[in-house]
Amino acid sequence: MPRPPDRMPEDRSAPSADGPEHVSRAAPRPLPSVSYRQDWSDLLFVHWAVSPDAVAGFFPRGTRPDTFDGRTFVGLVFFEMRNLSFSRGPALPVLGRFPEINVRLYSVDGHGRRGVVFLSLDCARLLPVVAARAAYRLPYHWASARRLRFDDRLLYTVRRRCSGGPRSRVWADLGGEQKSPDALGDFLTSRWGLHGRARKGTYYWPLWHDPWSFREAALLSLDDELVAAATGLPTAVSSQPVSILYSPGLHVRFGARLPVRHP
């Protein structure tokens, strides 16, 4: 196996000021070092279009809303985490498997690195919640969550473990046909890292995985309070989603965090 590169190349697919935005589905080179490994399975992506100005205040310094045809997006993503492990260590028993539901936005920094900004992450295991909040300042919340699969139908339910905590419930029909994402689907899912806040600024946390595979999906019902709780934009989820995607899953590796320089 060839030796990984000494450093990650910069993503040069930043939006052009004089033309439409394009995102490459091609994965970056493998990471030079791995801090975490995990599997994501039964992923359901639901997205709404929002004005960049409406969410600009949520982005860490040195980043801004990434746009497609002048719009940015808020995503509600349901999946099951499996086989969570540190670096080259074994998967954590019991603690390494749980449903997770996140609300996220889409970012780009001055280096042209496209990523996501998490507004909330609801997780059914308390220890990962505590660890992620302390070590990475990510907005994790302890929740009661479950995933149920009935042949080609998928159900996720979540309720945050606090008084009056927001809830979400999605019921989806999964088709058997493979689906190639359109340009918007590529924009929403070809993200090779996340932007987060550090004590001394902003960081970019790169990740690597094989290209996505998708199947057809349709919402049978969605009753969500997480997006409004995270964004303060209840009108977003009252409109029709602009994109619904389902993926059976993939294996993911996280590298070392990198600083984002800003004025």
Protein backbone atom coordinates (compact mmCIF):
# COMPACT_ATOMS: atom_id res chain seq x y z
CA MET A 1 0.00 0.00 0.00
CA PRO A 2 1.45 3.42 -0.91
CA ARG A 3 2.45 5.71 1.90
CA PRO A 4 -0.15 8.45 2.67
CA PRO A 5 0.90 12.03 1.92
CA ASP A 6 2.51 14.11 4.64
CA ARG A 7 -0.26 16.69 4.56
CA MET A 8 -3.79 17.08 3.31
CA PRO A 9 -4.14 19.01 0.05
CA GLU A 10 -6.33 22.06 0.17
CA ASP A 11 -9.79 21.78 -1.36
CA ARG A 12 -9.70 24.19 -4.28
CA SER A 13 -13.34 23.79 -5.20
CA ALA A 14 -14.36 27.02 -3.49
CA PRO A 15 -17.27 28.94 -5.02
CA SER A 16 -16.35 31.09 -7.96
CA ALA A 17 -17.32 34.73 -7.79
CA ASP A 18 -18.18 34.84 -11.52
CA GLY A 19 -19.96 31.54 -12.10
CA PRO A 20 -22.09 28.80 -10.58
CA GLU A 21 -20.74 26.69 -7.75
CA HIS A 22 -19.52 23.15 -8.41
CA VAL A 23 -18.48 20.45 -5.99
CA SER A 24 -16.41 17.41 -6.87
CA ARG A 25 -17.61 14.04 -5.59
CA ALA A 26 -14.03 12.76 -5.65
CA ALA A 27 -12.64 12.00 -2.21
CA PRO A 28 -9.44 13.74 -1.14
CA ARG A 29 -6.31 11.70 -0.62
CA PRO A 30 -6.28 9.35 2.39
CA LEU A 31 -5.52 11.09 5.66
CA PRO A 32 -1.89 11.14 6.85
CA SER A 33 -3.07 10.22 10.37
CA VAL A 34 -6.34 8.93 11.79
CA SER A 35 -7.82 10.04 15.11
CA TYR A 36 -11.19 8.24 14.91
CA ARG A 37 -12.80 5.49 12.86
CA GLN A 38 -16.52 4.86 12.64
CA ASP A 39 -19.22 3.42 10.42
CA TRP A 40 -22.35 5.33 9.45
CA SER A 41 -25.38 3.31 8.41
CA ASP A 42 -28.96 3.96 7.27
CA LEU A 43 -28.40 7.65 6.61
CA LEU A 44 -31.38 9.82 5.76
CA PHE A 45 -30.69 13.41 4.67
CA VAL A 46 -33.51 15.97 4.64
CA HIS A 47 -32.71 19.52 3.48
CA TRP A 48 -34.41 22.89 3.24
CA ALA A 49 -33.19 26.00 1.42
CA VAL A 50 -32.62 29.14 3.51
CA SER A 51 -31.20 32.58 2.94
CA PRO A 52 -27.47 32.86 3.72
CA ASP A 53 -28.20 36.03 5.70
CA ALA A 54 -30.66 34.16 7.93
CA VAL A 55 -27.98 31.78 9.22
CA ALA A 56 -24.74 33.78 8.83
CA GLY A 57 -24.49 34.36 12.58
CA PHE A 58 -24.06 30.64 13.29
CA PHE A 59 -20.73 30.31 11.48
CA PRO A 60 -17.35 30.29 13.26
CA ARG A 61 -14.89 33.08 12.51
CA GLY A 62 -13.04 32.52 9.25
CA THR A 63 -15.95 30.66 7.64
CA ARG A 64 -19.08 31.70 5.79
CA PRO A 65 -22.22 30.07 4.40
CA ASP A 66 -21.49 27.96 1.33
CA THR A 67 -24.07 28.55 -1.39
CA PHE A 68 -25.61 26.80 -4.36
CA ASP A 69 -27.53 28.98 -6.83
CA GLY A 70 -27.48 31.78 -4.27
CA ARG A 71 -29.01 29.68 -1.49
CA THR A 72 -27.61 27.82 1.46
CA PHE A 73 -29.26 24.93 3.29
CA VAL A 74 -30.13 23.53 6.67
CA GLY A 75 -29.88 19.77 6.92
CA LEU A 76 -31.54 17.28 9.26
CA VAL A 77 -29.56 14.04 9.14
CA PHE A 78 -30.50 10.73 10.76
CA PHE A 79 -28.10 7.79 10.97
CA GLU A 80 -26.77 5.03 13.18
CA MET A 81 -23.20 5.19 14.41
CA ARG A 82 -21.41 1.85 14.56
CA ASN A 83 -17.92 0.58 15.38
CA LEU A 84 -16.65 3.83 16.89
CA SER A 85 -12.95 3.47 17.68
CA PHE A 86 -9.90 5.59 18.48
CA SER A 87 -7.17 5.63 15.84
CA ARG A 88 -6.18 1.99 15.27
CA GLY A 89 -7.84 0.63 18.40
CA PRO A 90 -10.74 -1.82 18.48
CA ALA A 91 -14.35 -0.70 18.24
CA LEU A 92 -15.82 0.36 21.56
CA PRO A 93 -18.29 -2.25 22.85
CA VAL A 94 -21.85 -0.99 23.41
CA LEU A 95 -20.74 2.66 23.58
CA GLY A 96 -19.62 2.51 19.95
CA ARG A 97 -23.12 2.00 18.52
CA PHE A 98 -26.03 4.44 18.78
CA PRO A 99 -28.47 6.50 16.69
CA GLU A 100 -27.48 10.10 16.07
CA ILE A 101 -29.52 12.96 14.63
CA ASN A 102 -27.89 16.24 13.69
CA VAL A 103 -28.87 19.66 12.39
CA ARG A 104 -26.19 21.19 10.23
CA LEU A 105 -25.28 24.07 7.92
CA TYR A 106 -22.81 24.25 5.02
CA SER A 107 -19.58 26.20 5.28
CA VAL A 108 -16.50 27.23 3.35
CA ASP A 109 -13.35 28.86 4.72
CA GLY A 110 -10.65 31.09 3.29
CA HIS A 111 -8.63 28.06 2.17
CA GLY A 112 -11.52 26.89 0.00
CA ARG A 113 -12.22 23.94 2.29
CA ARG A 114 -15.89 23.03 2.23
CA GLY A 115 -17.38 21.60 5.39
CA VAL A 116 -20.36 21.48 7.70
CA VAL A 117 -21.17 23.44 10.84
CA PHE A 118 -23.19 21.51 13.40
CA LEU A 119 -25.92 23.36 15.26
CA SER A 120 -27.02 20.35 17.29
CA LEU A 121 -26.21 16.64 17.55
CA ASP A 122 -28.56 14.38 19.50
CA CYS A 123 -27.04 11.10 20.63
CA ALA A 124 -28.41 8.15 22.58
CA ARG A 125 -25.20 7.57 24.62
CA LEU A 126 -24.21 9.92 27.43
CA LEU A 127 -20.44 9.30 27.44
CA PRO A 128 -19.86 10.31 23.79
CA VAL A 129 -21.97 13.41 24.43
CA VAL A 130 -19.83 14.48 27.39
CA ALA A 131 -16.55 13.67 25.60
CA ALA A 132 -17.44 15.49 22.38
CA ARG A 133 -18.63 18.61 24.19
CA ALA A 134 -15.51 18.76 26.36
CA ALA A 135 -12.85 17.87 23.77
CA TYR A 136 -14.28 19.41 20.58
CA ARG A 137 -16.87 21.94 21.76
CA LEU A 138 -19.47 20.30 19.56
CA PRO A 139 -23.13 20.94 20.53
CA TYR A 140 -24.00 17.35 21.48
CA HIS A 141 -27.13 16.58 23.51
CA TRP A 142 -28.12 13.42 25.34
CA ALA A 143 -31.34 12.09 23.91
CA SER A 144 -33.60 9.08 23.77
CA ALA A 145 -33.29 7.88 20.18
CA ARG A 146 -33.97 4.76 18.20
CA ARG A 147 -33.83 3.43 14.66
CA LEU A 148 -36.24 0.78 13.40
CA ARG A 149 -36.08 -0.87 10.00
CA PHE A 150 -39.08 -2.65 8.44
CA ASP A 151 -37.91 -4.14 5.13
CA ASP A 152 -37.72 -1.02 2.94
CA ARG A 153 -39.20 1.37 5.47
CA LEU A 154 -37.12 3.28 7.99
CA LEU A 155 -38.22 4.93 11.24
CA TYR A 156 -36.15 7.27 13.44
CA THR A 157 -37.44 8.83 16.63
CA VAL A 158 -35.60 11.15 19.03
CA ARG A 159 -36.47 13.17 22.13
CA ARG A 160 -33.91 15.30 23.92
CA ARG A 161 -33.53 14.39 27.60
CA CYS A 162 -34.49 17.70 29.17
CA SER A 163 -37.73 19.28 30.23
CA GLY A 164 -39.65 20.25 27.11
CA GLY A 165 -36.81 19.02 24.94
CA PRO A 166 -37.38 19.05 21.16
CA ARG A 167 -38.37 15.89 19.35
CA SER A 168 -38.19 14.50 15.86
CA ARG A 169 -39.82 11.58 14.10
CA VAL A 170 -39.27 10.55 10.48
CA TRP A 171 -40.84 7.68 8.55
CA ALA A 172 -39.37 7.00 5.12
CA ASP A 173 -39.94 4.61 2.24
CA LEU A 174 -36.73 3.33 0.65
CA GLY A 175 -36.75 2.29 -2.98
CA GLY A 176 -34.59 -0.53 -4.28
CA GLU A 177 -33.12 1.43 -7.17
CA GLN A 178 -29.72 3.04 -6.99
CA LYS A 179 -29.88 6.80 -7.38
CA SER A 180 -27.21 9.17 -8.63
CA PRO A 181 -27.39 12.50 -6.81
CA ASP A 182 -27.92 15.64 -8.82
CA ALA A 183 -25.67 18.69 -8.53
CA LEU A 184 -27.44 19.80 -5.36
CA GLY A 185 -27.06 16.34 -3.82
CA ASP A 186 -23.34 16.44 -4.55
CA PHE A 187 -23.09 19.88 -2.97
CA LEU A 188 -24.82 18.67 0.21
CA THR A 189 -22.95 15.38 0.69
CA SER A 190 -19.48 15.88 -0.79
CA ARG A 191 -18.14 17.39 2.40
CA TRP A 192 -14.69 16.33 3.56
CA GLY A 193 -14.58 17.93 6.99
CA LEU A 194 -16.32 20.07 9.58
CA HIS A 195 -15.71 23.54 10.95
CA GLY A 196 -15.91 24.05 14.69
CA ARG A 197 -15.06 26.56 17.38
CA ALA A 198 -11.90 26.13 19.43
CA ARG A 199 -10.84 28.08 22.51
CA LYS A 200 -8.38 30.07 20.41
CA GLY A 201 -10.27 30.33 17.14
CA THR A 202 -11.73 28.00 14.53
CA TYR A 203 -10.68 24.53 13.43
CA TYR A 204 -11.26 22.36 10.39
CA TRP A 205 -11.52 18.63 11.06
CA PRO A 206 -10.92 16.62 7.88
CA LEU A 207 -12.46 13.24 7.19
CA TRP A 208 -12.17 10.60 4.50
CA HIS A 209 -14.52 7.96 3.12
CA ASP A 210 -15.33 6.21 -0.13
CA PRO A 211 -17.79 7.90 -2.52
CA TRP A 212 -21.40 7.82 -1.40
CA SER A 213 -23.92 5.34 -2.78
CA PHE A 214 -27.58 6.36 -2.69
CA ARG A 215 -30.98 4.75 -3.10
CA GLU A 216 -34.33 6.31 -3.84
CA ALA A 217 -36.20 7.56 -0.78
CA ALA A 218 -39.52 9.28 -0.05
CA LEU A 219 -40.82 10.76 3.17
CA LEU A 220 -44.00 9.17 4.47
CA SER A 221 -44.11 11.56 7.43
CA LEU A 222 -41.86 14.01 9.25
CA ASP A 223 -42.62 15.73 12.55
CA ASP A 224 -39.58 17.72 13.61
CA GLU A 225 -38.77 20.26 16.32
CA LEU A 226 -34.95 19.99 16.20
CA VAL A 227 -34.40 22.35 13.25
CA ALA A 228 -36.53 25.14 14.72
CA ALA A 229 -34.86 24.67 18.14
CA ALA A 230 -31.39 24.95 16.59
CA THR A 231 -31.98 27.72 14.06
CA GLY A 232 -34.95 29.70 15.32
CA LEU A 233 -36.42 29.30 11.82
CA PRO A 234 -39.71 27.42 12.23
CA THR A 235 -40.75 28.41 8.71
CA ALA A 236 -37.90 26.33 7.28
CA VAL A 237 -39.41 23.00 8.27
CA SER A 238 -42.95 24.10 7.44
CA SER A 239 -41.99 24.18 3.76
CA GLN A 240 -41.28 21.22 1.50
CA PRO A 241 -37.73 19.84 1.67
CA VAL A 242 -35.68 20.57 -1.45
CA SER A 243 -33.70 17.33 -1.16
CA ILE A 244 -34.22 13.87 0.36
CA LEU A 245 -31.40 11.34 0.14
CA TYR A 246 -30.81 7.89 1.59
CA SER A 247 -27.52 5.99 1.81
CA PRO A 248 -26.98 2.47 3.21
CA GLY A 249 -23.76 3.75 4.78
CA LEU A 250 -19.99 3.75 4.67
CA HIS A 251 -16.78 3.64 6.72
CA VAL A 252 -15.37 7.00 7.86
CA ARG A 253 -11.99 8.14 9.17
CA PHE A 254 -11.25 11.45 10.89
CA GLY A 255 -7.82 13.05 10.78
CA ALA A 256 -6.15 15.68 12.93
CA ARG A 257 -7.77 19.07 13.40
CA LEU A 258 -6.30 21.99 11.48
CA PRO A 259 -6.49 25.69 12.38
CA VAL A 260 -8.52 28.11 10.28
CA ARG A 261 -6.75 31.43 9.98
CA HIS A 262 -8.91 34.52 10.12
CA PRO A 263 -8.38 38.26 10.58
